[in-house]
């Protein structure tokens, strides 16, 4: 798999990969990433067409998904490690 380009965005890193004739677009923030496999779609085989496809509406929707992922992560952390059960550091005398 090789990187064929990046799509500029102020909050996300958007990278386009190609392997054989298949294209994958990866959207990343500081904590999460979402990869969308576009396959070997003849309409999405150039950086220009992929940039058009990855429009503001799609990016906004993916950012909302990442926000939901973060909330689910925090809930899972709280279930696994309830407050008060874990002391941050051992007492040193």
C-alpha atoms as a PDB file:
ATOM      1  CA  UNK A   1       0.000   0.000   0.000  1.00  0.00           C
ATOM      2  CA  UNK A   2       1.340   3.390  -0.905  1.00  0.00           C
ATOM      3  CA  UNK A   3       0.259   6.938  -0.193  1.00  0.00           C
ATOM      4  CA  UNK A   4      -0.966   8.677  -3.321  1.00  0.00           C
ATOM      5  CA  UNK A   5      -1.898  11.947  -1.657  1.00  0.00           C
ATOM      6  CA  UNK A   6      -3.353  13.973   1.184  1.00  0.00           C
ATOM      7  CA  UNK A   7      -6.435  16.141   1.392  1.00  0.00           C
ATOM      8  CA  UNK A   8      -5.958  19.352   3.348  1.00  0.00           C
ATOM      9  CA  UNK A   9      -8.221  19.849   6.352  1.00  0.00           C
ATOM     10  CA  UNK A  10      -7.730  22.070   9.426  1.00  0.00           C
ATOM     11  CA  UNK A  11      -8.715  19.422  12.005  1.00  0.00           C
ATOM     12  CA  UNK A  12      -8.207  16.009  10.397  1.00  0.00           C
ATOM     13  CA  UNK A  13      -5.388  14.290   8.619  1.00  0.00           C
ATOM     14  CA  UNK A  14      -6.861  12.787   5.449  1.00  0.00           C
ATOM     15  CA  UNK A  15      -4.631  10.345   3.594  1.00  0.00           C
ATOM     16  CA  UNK A  16      -5.374   8.500   0.359  1.00  0.00           C
ATOM     17  CA  UNK A  17      -3.791   5.078  -0.124  1.00  0.00           C
ATOM     18  CA  UNK A  18      -3.654   2.816  -3.145  1.00  0.00           C
ATOM     19  CA  UNK A  19      -2.889  -0.883  -3.297  1.00  0.00           C
ATOM     20  CA  UNK A  20      -3.077  -2.540  -6.701  1.00  0.00           C
ATOM     21  CA  UNK A  21      -6.235  -0.919  -8.092  1.00  0.00           C
ATOM     22  CA  UNK A  22      -7.990  -0.387  -4.735  1.00  0.00           C
ATOM     23  CA  UNK A  23      -8.217   2.963  -2.975  1.00  0.00           C
ATOM     24  CA  UNK A  24      -8.619   3.581   0.766  1.00  0.00           C
ATOM     25  CA  UNK A  25      -9.141   6.973   2.408  1.00  0.00           C
ATOM     26  CA  UNK A  26      -8.153   7.359   6.067  1.00  0.00           C
ATOM     27  CA  UNK A  27      -9.508  10.170   8.243  1.00  0.00           C
ATOM     28  CA  UNK A  28      -7.585  10.741  11.510  1.00  0.00           C
ATOM     29  CA  UNK A  29      -7.848  13.011  14.512  1.00  0.00           C
ATOM     30  CA  UNK A  30      -5.661  12.901  17.622  1.00  0.00           C
ATOM     31  CA  UNK A  31      -7.228   9.722  19.008  1.00  0.00           C
ATOM     32  CA  UNK A  32      -9.264   7.954  16.333  1.00  0.00           C
ATOM     33  CA  UNK A  33      -9.124   6.997  12.701  1.00  0.00           C
ATOM     34  CA  UNK A  34     -11.736   5.900  10.204  1.00  0.00           C
ATOM     35  CA  UNK A  35     -10.722   4.145   7.012  1.00  0.00           C
ATOM     36  CA  UNK A  36     -13.109   3.914   4.083  1.00  0.00           C
ATOM     37  CA  UNK A  37     -12.279   1.397   1.382  1.00  0.00           C
ATOM     38  CA  UNK A  38     -13.431   2.670  -1.982  1.00  0.00           C
ATOM     39  CA  UNK A  39     -12.316  -0.422  -3.849  1.00  0.00           C
ATOM     40  CA  UNK A  40     -11.557  -0.168  -7.543  1.00  0.00           C
ATOM     41  CA  UNK A  41     -14.192   2.406  -8.465  1.00  0.00           C
ATOM     42  CA  UNK A  42     -13.496   3.955 -11.878  1.00  0.00           C
ATOM     43  CA  UNK A  43     -15.137   7.209 -10.783  1.00  0.00           C
ATOM     44  CA  UNK A  44     -12.844   7.537  -7.749  1.00  0.00           C
ATOM     45  CA  UNK A  45      -9.430   6.855  -9.231  1.00  0.00           C
ATOM     46  CA  UNK A  46      -7.848  10.324  -9.136  1.00  0.00           C
ATOM     47  CA  UNK A  47      -6.975  12.645  -6.263  1.00  0.00           C
ATOM     48  CA  UNK A  48      -9.292  15.264  -7.757  1.00  0.00           C
ATOM     49  CA  UNK A  49     -12.306  12.934  -7.777  1.00  0.00           C
ATOM     50  CA  UNK A  50     -11.511  11.641  -4.274  1.00  0.00           C
ATOM     51  CA  UNK A  51     -11.171  15.212  -2.959  1.00  0.00           C
ATOM     52  CA  UNK A  52     -14.577  16.016  -4.454  1.00  0.00           C
ATOM     53  CA  UNK A  53     -16.042  12.858  -2.884  1.00  0.00           C
ATOM     54  CA  UNK A  54     -14.588  13.717   0.564  1.00  0.00           C
ATOM     55  CA  UNK A  55     -16.656  16.873   0.777  1.00  0.00           C
ATOM     56  CA  UNK A  56     -17.485  18.994   3.814  1.00  0.00           C
ATOM     57  CA  UNK A  57     -20.661  17.016   4.493  1.00  0.00           C
ATOM     58  CA  UNK A  58     -18.837  13.665   4.658  1.00  0.00           C
ATOM     59  CA  UNK A  59     -16.024  15.058   6.798  1.00  0.00           C
ATOM     60  CA  UNK A  60     -18.492  16.668   9.224  1.00  0.00           C
ATOM     61  CA  UNK A  61     -20.394  13.371   9.539  1.00  0.00           C
ATOM     62  CA  UNK A  62     -17.162  11.470  10.210  1.00  0.00           C
ATOM     63  CA  UNK A  63     -16.148  14.000  12.870  1.00  0.00           C
ATOM     64  CA  UNK A  64     -19.491  13.380  14.583  1.00  0.00           C
ATOM     65  CA  UNK A  65     -18.817   9.631  14.453  1.00  0.00           C
ATOM     66  CA  UNK A  66     -15.399  10.232  16.043  1.00  0.00           C
ATOM     67  CA  UNK A  67     -17.046  12.296  18.799  1.00  0.00           C
ATOM     68  CA  UNK A  68     -19.458   9.420  19.458  1.00  0.00           C
ATOM     69  CA  UNK A  69     -16.542   6.963  19.512  1.00  0.00           C
ATOM     70  CA  UNK A  70     -14.879   9.131  22.138  1.00  0.00           C
ATOM     71  CA  UNK A  71     -17.995   9.162  24.314  1.00  0.00           C
ATOM     72  CA  UNK A  72     -18.291   5.374  24.043  1.00  0.00           C
ATOM     73  CA  UNK A  73     -14.619   5.059  24.943  1.00  0.00           C
ATOM     74  CA  UNK A  74     -15.088   7.202  28.052  1.00  0.00           C
ATOM     75  CA  UNK A  75     -18.129   5.168  29.086  1.00  0.00           C
ATOM     76  CA  UNK A  76     -16.161   1.929  28.650  1.00  0.00           C
ATOM     77  CA  UNK A  77     -13.283   3.373  30.698  1.00  0.00           C
ATOM     78  CA  UNK A  78     -15.701   4.308  33.493  1.00  0.00           C
ATOM     79  CA  UNK A  79     -17.267   0.836  33.483  1.00  0.00           C
ATOM     80  CA  UNK A  80     -13.888  -0.876  33.543  1.00  0.00           C
ATOM     81  CA  UNK A  81     -12.313   1.477  36.080  1.00  0.00           C
ATOM     82  CA  UNK A  82     -14.999   3.062  38.297  1.00  0.00           C
ATOM     83  CA  UNK A  83     -13.957   6.213  40.131  1.00  0.00           C
ATOM     84  CA  UNK A  84     -12.645   5.578  43.616  1.00  0.00           C
ATOM     85  CA  UNK A  85     -11.468   2.034  42.970  1.00  0.00           C
ATOM     86  CA  UNK A  86      -8.096   3.041  41.636  1.00  0.00           C
ATOM     87  CA  UNK A  87      -5.617   5.156  43.516  1.00  0.00           C
ATOM     88  CA  UNK A  88      -3.388   7.087  41.220  1.00  0.00           C
ATOM     89  CA  UNK A  89      -0.182   6.494  43.180  1.00  0.00           C
ATOM     90  CA  UNK A  90       0.898   4.357  46.079  1.00  0.00           C
ATOM     91  CA  UNK A  91       1.290   6.103  49.420  1.00  0.00           C
ATOM     92  CA  UNK A  92       4.955   6.721  50.093  1.00  0.00           C
ATOM     93  CA  UNK A  93       5.956   7.146  53.695  1.00  0.00           C
END
